[in-house]
């Protein structure tokens, strides 16, 4: 999922938790219903000025609107895979060095 999609999903979730319809939210923000709907669908992105107003209105930090647990789990998975590859490469390198030393002794 892209950043606009993550933002849109989080915006929708927080807006609904605050009990606001898209129409009410648009009115409070001074923007159009169409713009809110487009942002929530991930089709349009928020300006810095509107982001500030959204955060003040919903009483959330900007980072809360960009957070994605999906990306965190992907990152942890990737890091785990990298660690496994590094471990395997270290074992192979140790064996090559050991074998080389043994060969030179003969």
N, C-alpha and C. Protein backbone atom coordinates (compact mmCIF):
# COMPACT_ATOMS: atom_id res chain seq x y z
N UNK A 1 0.84 -1.18 0.00
CA UNK A 1 0.00 0.00 0.00
C UNK A 1 0.88 1.24 0.00
N UNK A 2 0.45 2.26 -0.71
CA UNK A 2 1.23 3.49 -0.80
C UNK A 2 0.87 4.45 0.34
N UNK A 3 1.63 5.50 0.47
CA UNK A 3 1.48 6.45 1.58
C UNK A 3 0.12 7.14 1.55
N UNK A 4 -0.40 7.42 0.35
CA UNK A 4 -1.72 8.06 0.26
C UNK A 4 -2.80 7.10 0.77
N UNK A 5 -2.65 5.81 0.46
CA UNK A 5 -3.61 4.81 0.91
C UNK A 5 -3.58 4.63 2.42
N UNK A 6 -2.38 4.58 2.98
CA UNK A 6 -2.23 4.45 4.43
C UNK A 6 -2.86 5.66 5.12
N UNK A 7 -2.52 6.85 4.64
CA UNK A 7 -3.08 8.07 5.21
C UNK A 7 -4.60 8.05 5.12
N UNK A 8 -5.12 7.70 3.96
CA UNK A 8 -6.58 7.68 3.76
C UNK A 8 -7.30 6.74 4.69
N UNK A 9 -6.77 5.53 4.85
CA UNK A 9 -7.40 4.56 5.75
C UNK A 9 -7.38 5.05 7.19
N UNK A 10 -6.23 5.59 7.61
CA UNK A 10 -6.12 6.10 8.97
C UNK A 10 -7.03 7.30 9.20
N UNK A 11 -7.12 8.17 8.21
CA UNK A 11 -7.99 9.34 8.31
C UNK A 11 -9.44 8.90 8.49
N UNK A 12 -9.88 7.96 7.69
CA UNK A 12 -11.25 7.45 7.77
C UNK A 12 -11.51 6.84 9.15
N UNK A 13 -10.58 6.02 9.61
CA UNK A 13 -10.74 5.35 10.91
C UNK A 13 -10.87 6.36 12.04
N UNK A 14 -9.97 7.33 12.07
CA UNK A 14 -9.99 8.32 13.16
C UNK A 14 -11.23 9.20 13.06
N UNK A 15 -11.59 9.61 11.85
CA UNK A 15 -12.79 10.44 11.66
C UNK A 15 -14.03 9.73 12.19
N UNK A 16 -14.15 8.45 11.85
CA UNK A 16 -15.31 7.68 12.31
C UNK A 16 -15.30 7.50 13.83
N UNK A 17 -14.12 7.27 14.40
CA UNK A 17 -14.03 7.14 15.86
C UNK A 17 -14.47 8.41 16.57
N UNK A 18 -14.26 9.55 15.92
CA UNK A 18 -14.68 10.84 16.49
C UNK A 18 -16.15 11.12 16.22
N UNK A 19 -16.82 10.21 15.50
CA UNK A 19 -18.25 10.34 15.25
C UNK A 19 -18.61 11.38 14.20
N UNK A 20 -17.69 11.65 13.28
CA UNK A 20 -17.94 12.65 12.24
C UNK A 20 -18.24 11.98 10.91
N UNK A 21 -19.23 12.48 10.22
CA UNK A 21 -19.46 12.04 8.84
C UNK A 21 -18.47 12.78 7.95
N UNK A 22 -18.34 12.34 6.72
CA UNK A 22 -17.47 13.05 5.78
C UNK A 22 -17.97 14.48 5.57
N UNK A 23 -19.29 14.64 5.52
CA UNK A 23 -19.87 15.97 5.31
C UNK A 23 -19.53 16.90 6.48
N UNK A 24 -19.71 16.41 7.70
CA UNK A 24 -19.40 17.21 8.88
C UNK A 24 -17.92 17.57 8.94
N UNK A 25 -17.09 16.58 8.64
CA UNK A 25 -15.65 16.76 8.68
C UNK A 25 -15.21 17.81 7.66
N UNK A 26 -15.75 17.71 6.45
CA UNK A 26 -15.41 18.67 5.39
C UNK A 26 -15.81 20.08 5.81
N UNK A 27 -16.97 20.20 6.42
CA UNK A 27 -17.44 21.52 6.85
C UNK A 27 -16.53 22.11 7.92
N UNK A 28 -16.15 21.30 8.91
CA UNK A 28 -15.26 21.77 9.98
C UNK A 28 -13.91 22.20 9.40
N UNK A 29 -13.41 21.44 8.42
CA UNK A 29 -12.10 21.73 7.83
C UNK A 29 -12.14 22.85 6.81
N UNK A 30 -13.33 23.18 6.34
CA UNK A 30 -13.45 24.22 5.32
C UNK A 30 -13.00 23.72 3.96
N UNK A 31 -13.26 22.46 3.68
CA UNK A 31 -12.90 21.89 2.39
C UNK A 31 -14.13 21.16 1.84
N UNK A 32 -14.00 20.58 0.67
CA UNK A 32 -15.16 19.94 0.05
C UNK A 32 -15.28 18.47 0.48
N UNK A 33 -16.50 17.99 0.43
CA UNK A 33 -16.77 16.58 0.70
C UNK A 33 -15.99 15.71 -0.29
N UNK A 34 -15.93 16.15 -1.54
CA UNK A 34 -15.21 15.41 -2.57
C UNK A 34 -13.73 15.26 -2.22
N UNK A 35 -13.13 16.32 -1.68
CA UNK A 35 -11.71 16.27 -1.31
C UNK A 35 -11.48 15.27 -0.17
N UNK A 36 -12.37 15.28 0.83
CA UNK A 36 -12.27 14.32 1.95
C UNK A 36 -12.40 12.90 1.41
N UNK A 37 -13.40 12.67 0.58
CA UNK A 37 -13.62 11.33 0.02
C UNK A 37 -12.41 10.87 -0.78
N UNK A 38 -11.84 11.75 -1.58
CA UNK A 38 -10.67 11.41 -2.40
C UNK A 38 -9.45 11.10 -1.53
N UNK A 39 -9.27 11.85 -0.45
CA UNK A 39 -8.14 11.57 0.45
C UNK A 39 -8.34 10.22 1.14
N UNK A 40 -9.55 9.94 1.59
CA UNK A 40 -9.81 8.68 2.28
C UNK A 40 -9.66 7.48 1.36
N UNK A 41 -9.90 7.67 0.09
CA UNK A 41 -9.70 6.58 -0.88
C UNK A 41 -8.26 6.48 -1.35
N UNK A 42 -7.42 7.42 -0.93
CA UNK A 42 -6.02 7.41 -1.34
C UNK A 42 -5.79 7.95 -2.73
N UNK A 43 -6.75 8.69 -3.25
CA UNK A 43 -6.63 9.24 -4.60
C UNK A 43 -6.00 10.63 -4.61
N UNK A 44 -6.15 11.35 -3.52
CA UNK A 44 -5.58 12.70 -3.39
C UNK A 44 -4.76 12.73 -2.11
N UNK A 45 -3.82 13.65 -2.05
CA UNK A 45 -2.99 13.76 -0.86
C UNK A 45 -3.28 15.06 -0.14
N UNK A 46 -2.92 15.09 1.10
CA UNK A 46 -3.21 16.23 1.96
C UNK A 46 -2.08 17.26 1.85
N UNK A 47 -2.46 18.53 1.91
CA UNK A 47 -1.43 19.58 1.97
C UNK A 47 -0.96 19.71 3.41
N UNK A 48 0.18 20.35 3.60
CA UNK A 48 0.71 20.54 4.95
C UNK A 48 -0.27 21.35 5.80
N UNK A 49 -0.86 22.37 5.21
CA UNK A 49 -1.79 23.22 5.95
C UNK A 49 -3.03 22.44 6.37
N UNK A 50 -3.58 21.63 5.45
CA UNK A 50 -4.76 20.85 5.78
C UNK A 50 -4.42 19.76 6.79
N UNK A 51 -3.25 19.18 6.67
CA UNK A 51 -2.83 18.16 7.63
C UNK A 51 -2.81 18.74 9.05
N UNK A 52 -2.29 19.93 9.17
CA UNK A 52 -2.23 20.60 10.47
C UNK A 52 -3.64 20.80 11.04
N UNK A 53 -4.56 21.24 10.20
CA UNK A 53 -5.94 21.46 10.63
C UNK A 53 -6.62 20.14 10.99
N UNK A 54 -6.37 19.11 10.20
CA UNK A 54 -6.94 17.78 10.48
C UNK A 54 -6.47 17.29 11.84
N UNK A 55 -5.18 17.40 12.09
CA UNK A 55 -4.62 16.93 13.36
C UNK A 55 -5.19 17.69 14.55
N UNK A 56 -5.35 19.00 14.40
CA UNK A 56 -5.95 19.81 15.47
C UNK A 56 -7.40 19.42 15.69
N UNK A 57 -8.13 19.21 14.61
CA UNK A 57 -9.55 18.88 14.69
C UNK A 57 -9.77 17.50 15.31
N UNK A 58 -8.99 16.52 14.86
CA UNK A 58 -9.16 15.14 15.34
C UNK A 58 -8.38 14.85 16.62
N UNK A 59 -7.53 15.82 17.02
CA UNK A 59 -6.70 15.66 18.22
C UNK A 59 -5.79 14.43 18.12
N UNK A 60 -5.09 14.34 16.98
CA UNK A 60 -4.12 13.25 16.75
C UNK A 60 -2.82 13.86 16.23
N UNK A 61 -1.75 13.12 16.39
CA UNK A 61 -0.47 13.56 15.83
C UNK A 61 -0.42 13.20 14.35
N UNK A 62 0.37 13.91 13.58
CA UNK A 62 0.50 13.55 12.16
C UNK A 62 1.00 12.12 11.99
N UNK A 63 1.90 11.68 12.85
CA UNK A 63 2.44 10.33 12.70
C UNK A 63 1.36 9.27 12.84
N UNK A 64 0.33 9.54 13.63
CA UNK A 64 -0.77 8.58 13.77
C UNK A 64 -1.50 8.36 12.45
N UNK A 65 -1.52 9.38 11.62
CA UNK A 65 -2.21 9.27 10.34
C UNK A 65 -1.36 8.61 9.26
N UNK A 66 -0.08 8.47 9.51
CA UNK A 66 0.81 7.84 8.53
C UNK A 66 1.33 6.48 8.99
N UNK A 67 0.93 6.04 10.18
CA UNK A 67 1.42 4.78 10.74
C UNK A 67 0.77 3.59 10.05
N UNK A 68 1.57 2.55 9.82
CA UNK A 68 1.05 1.33 9.21
C UNK A 68 1.66 0.11 9.88
N UNK A 69 0.85 -0.63 10.66
CA UNK A 69 1.38 -1.85 11.28
C UNK A 69 1.86 -2.85 10.23
N UNK A 70 1.23 -2.82 9.06
CA UNK A 70 1.63 -3.71 7.96
C UNK A 70 3.08 -3.47 7.57
N UNK A 71 3.49 -2.23 7.50
CA UNK A 71 4.86 -1.92 7.12
C UNK A 71 5.85 -2.31 8.21
N UNK A 72 5.43 -2.18 9.47
CA UNK A 72 6.31 -2.58 10.57
C UNK A 72 6.57 -4.07 10.51
N UNK A 73 5.52 -4.87 10.27
CA UNK A 73 5.73 -6.31 10.22
C UNK A 73 6.57 -6.72 9.01
N UNK A 74 6.40 -5.99 7.92
CA UNK A 74 7.23 -6.27 6.75
C UNK A 74 8.69 -5.97 7.08
N UNK A 75 8.92 -4.85 7.74
CA UNK A 75 10.28 -4.47 8.11
C UNK A 75 10.91 -5.53 9.01
N UNK A 76 10.16 -6.00 10.01
CA UNK A 76 10.69 -7.01 10.91
C UNK A 76 10.97 -8.30 10.17
N UNK A 77 10.12 -8.66 9.24
CA UNK A 77 10.31 -9.86 8.45
C UNK A 77 11.56 -9.73 7.58
N UNK A 78 11.72 -8.59 6.97
CA UNK A 78 12.88 -8.36 6.11
C UNK A 78 14.16 -8.41 6.94
N UNK A 79 14.14 -7.75 8.10
CA UNK A 79 15.31 -7.77 8.96
C UNK A 79 15.66 -9.19 9.40
N UNK A 80 14.66 -9.98 9.70
CA UNK A 80 14.88 -11.37 10.08
C UNK A 80 15.53 -12.15 8.94
N UNK A 81 15.06 -11.92 7.72
CA UNK A 81 15.63 -12.60 6.56
C UNK A 81 17.08 -12.17 6.34
N UNK A 82 17.34 -10.88 6.52
CA UNK A 82 18.71 -10.37 6.37
C UNK A 82 19.62 -11.02 7.40
N UNK A 83 19.17 -11.09 8.64
CA UNK A 83 19.97 -11.73 9.70
C UNK A 83 20.28 -13.19 9.35
N UNK A 84 19.30 -13.89 8.82
CA UNK A 84 19.50 -15.29 8.45
C UNK A 84 20.54 -15.41 7.33
N UNK A 85 20.45 -14.55 6.34
CA UNK A 85 21.41 -14.57 5.23
C UNK A 85 22.81 -14.27 5.74
N UNK A 86 22.94 -13.27 6.61
CA UNK A 86 24.25 -12.92 7.17
C UNK A 86 24.83 -14.10 7.94
N UNK A 87 24.01 -14.75 8.77
CA UNK A 87 24.48 -15.91 9.53
C UNK A 87 24.96 -17.02 8.60
N UNK A 88 24.18 -17.29 7.55
CA UNK A 88 24.57 -18.35 6.60
C UNK A 88 25.88 -17.99 5.90
N UNK A 89 26.02 -16.74 5.51
CA UNK A 89 27.25 -16.31 4.83
C UNK A 89 28.45 -16.39 5.76
N UNK A 90 28.27 -16.04 7.02
CA UNK A 90 29.37 -16.13 8.00
C UNK A 90 29.80 -17.58 8.17
N UNK A 91 28.85 -18.49 8.26
CA UNK A 91 29.17 -19.92 8.41
C UNK A 91 29.94 -20.41 7.18
N UNK A 92 29.48 -20.02 6.00
CA UNK A 92 30.17 -20.45 4.77
C UNK A 92 31.58 -19.88 4.71
N UNK A 93 31.74 -18.63 5.10
CA UNK A 93 33.06 -17.99 5.08
C UNK A 93 34.00 -18.65 6.07
N UNK A 94 33.50 -18.95 7.29
CA UNK A 94 34.32 -19.65 8.28
C UNK A 94 34.78 -21.01 7.75
N UNK A 95 33.87 -21.71 7.10
CA UNK A 95 34.22 -23.03 6.57
C UNK A 95 35.28 -22.90 5.47
N UNK A 96 35.11 -21.92 4.58
CA UNK A 96 36.10 -21.72 3.52
C UNK A 96 37.48 -21.39 4.10
N UNK A 97 37.50 -20.53 5.10
CA UNK A 97 38.77 -20.17 5.74
C UNK A 97 39.38 -21.39 6.42
N UNK A 98 38.57 -22.12 7.13
CA UNK A 98 39.04 -23.32 7.82
C UNK A 98 39.60 -24.33 6.82
N UNK A 99 38.85 -24.57 5.75
CA UNK A 99 39.28 -25.53 4.73
C UNK A 99 40.58 -25.08 4.06
N UNK A 100 40.68 -23.76 3.82
CA UNK A 100 41.90 -23.22 3.22
C UNK A 100 43.11 -23.41 4.13
N UNK A 101 42.94 -23.20 5.40
CA UNK A 101 44.02 -23.37 6.37
C UNK A 101 44.41 -24.85 6.43
N UNK A 102 43.44 -25.72 6.44
CA UNK A 102 43.72 -27.15 6.49
C UNK A 102 44.45 -27.60 5.23
N UNK A 103 44.06 -27.07 4.06
CA UNK A 103 44.70 -27.42 2.81
C UNK A 103 46.17 -26.99 2.81
N UNK A 104 46.44 -25.79 3.33
CA UNK A 104 47.79 -25.27 3.35
C UNK A 104 48.68 -26.06 4.31
N UNK A 105 48.10 -26.66 5.33
CA UNK A 105 48.88 -27.47 6.28
C UNK A 105 49.39 -28.74 5.62
N UNK A 106 48.71 -29.23 4.62
CA UNK A 106 49.06 -30.50 4.00
C UNK A 106 50.19 -30.34 3.06
